[in-house]
Protein backbone atom coordinates (compact mmCIF):
# COMPACT_ATOMS: atom_id res chain seq x y z
CA UNK A 1 0.06 -0.29 0.17
CA UNK A 2 1.25 3.41 -0.95
CA UNK A 3 1.63 6.13 1.52
CA UNK A 4 -1.20 8.05 -0.24
CA UNK A 5 -3.14 5.28 0.52
CA UNK A 6 -2.34 4.12 4.08
CA UNK A 7 -3.14 7.37 4.94
CA UNK A 8 -6.84 8.06 2.97
CA UNK A 9 -7.05 4.41 4.71
CA UNK A 10 -6.39 5.93 8.10
CA UNK A 11 -9.11 8.60 7.57
CA UNK A 12 -11.36 6.69 6.47
CA UNK A 13 -11.67 4.29 9.22
CA UNK A 14 -11.20 7.12 11.71
CA UNK A 15 -13.79 9.11 10.12
CA UNK A 16 -16.42 8.51 12.66
CA UNK A 17 -14.04 9.98 15.28
CA UNK A 18 -11.88 12.44 13.29
CA UNK A 19 -13.37 16.05 15.10
CA UNK A 20 -13.00 14.55 18.53
CA UNK A 21 -9.33 13.26 18.20
CA UNK A 22 -7.61 15.98 15.31
CA UNK A 23 -10.44 19.35 16.42
CA UNK A 24 -9.73 20.79 19.94
CA UNK A 25 -11.63 24.29 21.36
CA UNK A 26 -8.28 26.84 22.36
CA UNK A 27 -5.85 24.75 19.77
CA UNK A 28 -3.49 26.11 17.18
CA UNK A 29 -5.36 25.77 14.16
CA UNK A 30 -8.45 28.29 16.53
CA UNK A 31 -5.83 30.59 17.06
CA UNK A 32 -4.76 31.10 13.36
CA UNK A 33 -8.23 30.92 12.20
CA UNK A 34 -8.47 33.28 14.43
CA UNK A 35 -5.82 35.34 13.07
CA UNK A 36 -7.68 34.41 9.41
CA UNK A 37 -10.98 35.98 10.06
CA UNK A 38 -8.66 39.29 10.85
CA UNK A 39 -6.83 39.10 7.72
CA UNK A 40 -10.25 38.48 5.55
CA UNK A 41 -11.62 41.99 6.93
CA UNK A 42 -8.75 43.58 6.42
CA UNK A 43 -8.15 42.41 3.00
CA UNK A 44 -11.55 42.51 1.64
CA UNK A 45 -11.46 38.77 0.78
CA UNK A 46 -14.00 37.46 -1.07
CA UNK A 47 -13.92 34.09 -2.04
CA UNK A 48 -11.67 31.19 -0.07
CA UNK A 49 -10.23 27.86 -0.93
CA UNK A 50 -9.03 25.46 2.22
CA UNK A 51 -7.17 22.79 1.02
CA UNK A 52 -7.36 19.06 2.68
CA UNK A 53 -10.18 20.55 4.63
CA UNK A 54 -11.43 17.60 6.74
CA UNK A 55 -14.96 17.91 7.83
CA UNK A 56 -15.04 21.54 7.23
CA UNK A 57 -13.92 22.89 10.76
CA UNK A 58 -12.04 25.38 9.31
CA UNK A 59 -14.98 26.63 6.91
CA UNK A 60 -17.46 26.61 9.21
CA UNK A 61 -15.72 28.45 11.64
CA UNK A 62 -15.24 31.47 9.24
CA UNK A 63 -18.63 31.24 7.42
CA UNK A 64 -20.05 32.35 10.86
CA UNK A 65 -17.89 35.44 10.39
CA UNK A 66 -17.85 35.88 6.95
CA UNK A 67 -20.63 35.50 4.14
CA UNK A 68 -18.47 34.80 1.84
CA UNK A 69 -17.36 32.38 -0.68
CA UNK A 70 -15.96 29.39 0.72
CA UNK A 71 -14.85 26.14 -1.36
CA UNK A 72 -12.84 23.31 0.55
CA UNK A 73 -11.14 20.23 -0.87
CA UNK A 74 -11.49 17.12 0.78
CA UNK A 75 -10.04 13.57 -1.26
CA UNK A 76 -11.31 11.07 1.51
CA UNK A 77 -15.53 10.29 1.24
CA UNK A 78 -15.70 9.43 4.72
CA UNK A 79 -14.62 13.05 5.40
CA UNK A 80 -16.31 15.15 2.87
CA UNK A 81 -19.60 13.01 4.15
CA UNK A 82 -19.12 13.74 8.29
CA UNK A 83 -18.55 17.86 6.70
CA UNK A 84 -22.27 17.57 4.62
CA UNK A 85 -23.59 16.17 7.76
CA UNK A 86 -22.40 19.06 9.57
CA UNK A 87 -24.81 21.79 6.63
CA UNK A 88 -21.10 22.22 4.30
CA UNK A 89 -23.00 21.86 0.64
CA UNK A 90 -21.80 19.57 -2.42
CA UNK A 91 -20.38 22.84 -3.35
CA UNK A 92 -18.51 24.30 -0.45
CA UNK A 93 -16.97 20.77 0.54
CA UNK A 94 -15.68 19.20 -2.77
CA UNK A 95 -13.30 15.92 -3.63
CA UNK A 96 -9.81 17.18 -5.20
CA UNK A 97 -5.78 16.61 -5.35
CA UNK A 98 -3.86 19.55 -3.00
CA UNK A 99 -1.04 18.33 -6.11
CA UNK A 100 -3.47 19.34 -9.14
CA UNK A 101 -6.16 21.75 -8.04
CA UNK A 102 -8.87 21.63 -10.62
CA UNK A 103 -9.44 25.53 -10.32
CA UNK A 104 -7.82 28.72 -12.84
CA UNK A 105 -4.95 30.82 -11.91
CA UNK A 106 -5.58 33.56 -9.31
CA UNK A 107 -9.80 31.66 -9.33
CA UNK A 108 -9.67 32.69 -5.13
CA UNK A 109 -8.88 35.71 -2.97
CA UNK A 110 -6.78 33.25 -1.04
CA UNK A 111 -5.66 29.97 -0.77
CA UNK A 112 -5.38 28.29 3.09
CA UNK A 113 -4.41 24.84 4.52
CA UNK A 114 -4.28 23.93 8.17
CA UNK A 115 -2.36 20.67 9.61
CA UNK A 116 -2.42 18.93 5.66
CA UNK A 117 0.95 20.31 4.65
CA UNK A 118 2.97 17.63 6.84
CA UNK A 119 0.78 14.33 5.30
CA UNK A 120 2.21 15.40 2.06
CA UNK A 121 5.16 13.48 1.00
CA UNK A 122 5.76 16.85 -2.20
CA UNK A 123 4.80 19.61 -0.18
CA UNK A 124 6.39 22.06 -2.19
CA UNK A 125 4.14 21.06 -5.52
CA UNK A 126 0.69 21.67 -2.91
CA UNK A 127 2.37 24.75 -1.88
CA UNK A 128 3.32 25.66 -5.74
CA UNK A 129 -0.72 24.82 -6.45
CA UNK A 130 -1.50 26.73 -3.84
CA UNK A 131 0.91 30.14 -4.96
CA UNK A 132 -1.08 29.23 -8.84
CA UNK A 133 -4.51 29.56 -8.13
CA UNK A 134 -4.98 32.15 -5.20
CA UNK A 135 -4.98 36.00 -6.10
CA UNK A 136 -4.30 38.12 -3.20
CA UNK A 137 -1.98 35.35 -0.85
CA UNK A 138 -1.98 32.24 0.91
CA UNK A 139 -2.52 31.13 4.45
CA UNK A 140 -0.53 28.31 5.83
CA UNK A 141 -1.05 26.73 9.64
CA UNK A 142 1.83 24.06 9.95
CA UNK A 143 4.34 22.41 12.81
CA UNK A 144 7.73 23.26 12.46
CA UNK A 145 9.58 20.47 13.16
CA UNK A 146 13.07 22.16 13.80
CA UNK A 147 11.29 24.19 16.73
CA UNK A 148 9.86 20.74 18.01
CA UNK A 149 11.36 18.92 21.07
CA UNK A 150 14.12 19.44 23.69
CA UNK A 151 16.50 22.35 23.31
CA UNK A 152 19.62 20.04 22.61
CA UNK A 153 17.25 18.13 20.16
CA UNK A 154 16.69 21.14 18.64
CA UNK A 155 20.18 22.44 17.92
CA UNK A 156 21.52 18.76 16.47
CA UNK A 157 18.42 18.82 14.31
CA UNK A 158 19.05 22.12 12.92
CA UNK A 159 22.57 21.51 12.75
CA UNK A 160 22.06 18.67 10.77
CA UNK A 161 19.55 21.19 8.28
CA UNK A 162 22.06 24.27 8.09
CA UNK A 163 24.78 21.61 6.21
CA UNK A 164 21.89 19.94 3.74
CA UNK A 165 21.29 16.99 5.80
CA UNK A 166 18.51 17.28 6.68
CA UNK A 167 16.61 14.30 4.32
CA UNK A 168 19.44 11.56 4.44
CA UNK A 169 19.08 12.09 8.16
CA UNK A 170 15.46 11.91 8.30
CA UNK A 171 15.79 8.58 5.82
CA UNK A 172 18.02 6.71 8.84
CA UNK A 173 15.48 7.57 11.35
CA UNK A 174 12.89 6.21 9.33
CA UNK A 175 14.86 2.71 8.36
CA UNK A 176 14.47 4.28 4.38
CA UNK A 177 10.49 5.15 4.93
CA UNK A 178 11.11 9.15 5.25
CA UNK A 179 8.01 8.79 6.93
CA UNK A 180 6.21 8.29 10.06
CA UNK A 181 3.11 6.52 11.49
CA UNK A 182 1.01 7.29 14.88
CA UNK A 183 -2.18 5.97 15.86
CA UNK A 184 -3.22 9.76 16.95
CA UNK A 185 -2.59 11.34 13.08
CA UNK A 186 -1.58 8.47 10.48
CA UNK A 187 1.01 8.65 8.29
CA UNK A 188 2.82 12.05 8.47
CA UNK A 189 6.07 13.91 7.08
CA UNK A 190 9.18 15.52 9.37
CA UNK A 191 7.84 19.18 8.09
CA UNK A 192 8.54 22.58 8.76
CA UNK A 193 6.67 25.54 6.96
CA UNK A 194 9.78 27.32 7.12
CA UNK A 195 10.52 24.47 4.13
CA UNK A 196 8.52 26.32 1.98
CA UNK A 197 9.10 30.03 2.25
CA UNK A 198 10.81 30.05 -0.76
CA UNK A 199 8.19 28.99 -2.92
CA UNK A 200 5.75 31.16 -1.59
CA UNK A 201 7.93 34.20 -1.64
CA UNK A 202 7.59 33.51 -5.57
CA UNK A 203 4.62 34.63 -5.88
CA UNK A 204 3.48 36.77 -2.90
CA UNK A 205 6.84 37.98 -1.44
CA UNK A 206 5.15 39.76 1.93
CA UNK A 207 5.33 37.18 4.50
CA UNK A 208 4.26 37.86 8.01
CA UNK A 209 4.44 34.81 11.09
CA UNK A 210 3.07 34.12 13.82
CA UNK A 211 3.58 31.21 16.45
CA UNK A 212 0.62 29.22 17.10
CA UNK A 213 1.81 27.15 20.14
CA UNK A 214 3.47 27.76 23.44
CA UNK A 215 7.71 28.82 21.80
CA UNK A 216 10.73 28.58 24.78
CA UNK A 217 11.89 31.94 23.21
CA UNK A 218 11.61 34.45 19.94
CA UNK A 219 13.38 32.77 17.29
CA UNK A 220 10.73 31.17 15.27
CA UNK A 221 12.68 28.46 13.65
CA UNK A 222 14.85 27.86 16.45
CA UNK A 223 11.77 27.67 19.29
CA UNK A 224 8.11 27.22 18.05
CA UNK A 225 7.50 23.96 17.05
CA UNK A 226 3.65 24.90 15.52
CA UNK A 227 3.24 28.51 13.39
CA UNK A 228 0.96 30.04 10.88
CA UNK A 229 1.95 32.32 7.91
CA UNK A 230 0.32 34.82 5.80
CA UNK A 231 1.94 35.49 2.38
CA UNK A 232 0.76 38.35 -0.03
CA UNK A 233 2.20 41.15 -2.26
C-alpha cells in the first residue's frame, strides 16, 4: 500500500472520531483561524479555498463570521460525508487533489491549509498549487519540526539542516521510509513551514509569521513548534 493510500485509509477508518481526535477548542489551528478571520476583513477577501478540509472545521468557523464564498478540497469521501452532515453543501466541500487543483490561476482571493502539509510528501508541489490559484495571498498553519522537542534535540536538528543533510538523516531515522506513522495522526512527514518559504515568496513576497503554540523563545525557526504564515504581495 502506498503512503497516500495508507493515509486515506487511516482517515476513512477514523472518520467517525475525526473531530474528537483532531479538533479541540483553543488549539493551534483555532488561534490561526482567529488571525485569518482578521485578515479576511483587512484584505477584503471575497473567496477562500481550503486545502485538506477534513470535516470542514475551518470553513464552518469562518462562515459564521464572514458571508463570502468558500470551497474546501478533501480527497477522503468519509470525511466529506461528515462535513456535509454538518451543513456544508456539495459545492462547498468537494473531492480534489492538493497536488493538482482543479481550479484556474488566481481563481480565489486566498488559499489556506490547516495541518495538511505535514501529511504530503511533495509539499512543495502542494504549496505551488496553492499559490497558483490564489490571487491575493496564501495562509499556512502547520508544523515546524526544527522548533519541536527539547533544546538539545532542536540544536542537533537545526545543525543537520544547516549543512543540507536533513533528508538523509530523516531517511536514516525512518529506516528508509521517509515518513512516520502514529495512531493519532496516521502517515506524516518531518515538516517545517520554513521549507516552503521560497516557494511562497516567488509569488507572494511579503510574509508574516505567528507562533500558534507555546514557544521557548522569540526565534520562531529555532523555538516555535507550530506556526501560522500569511503571505501576500
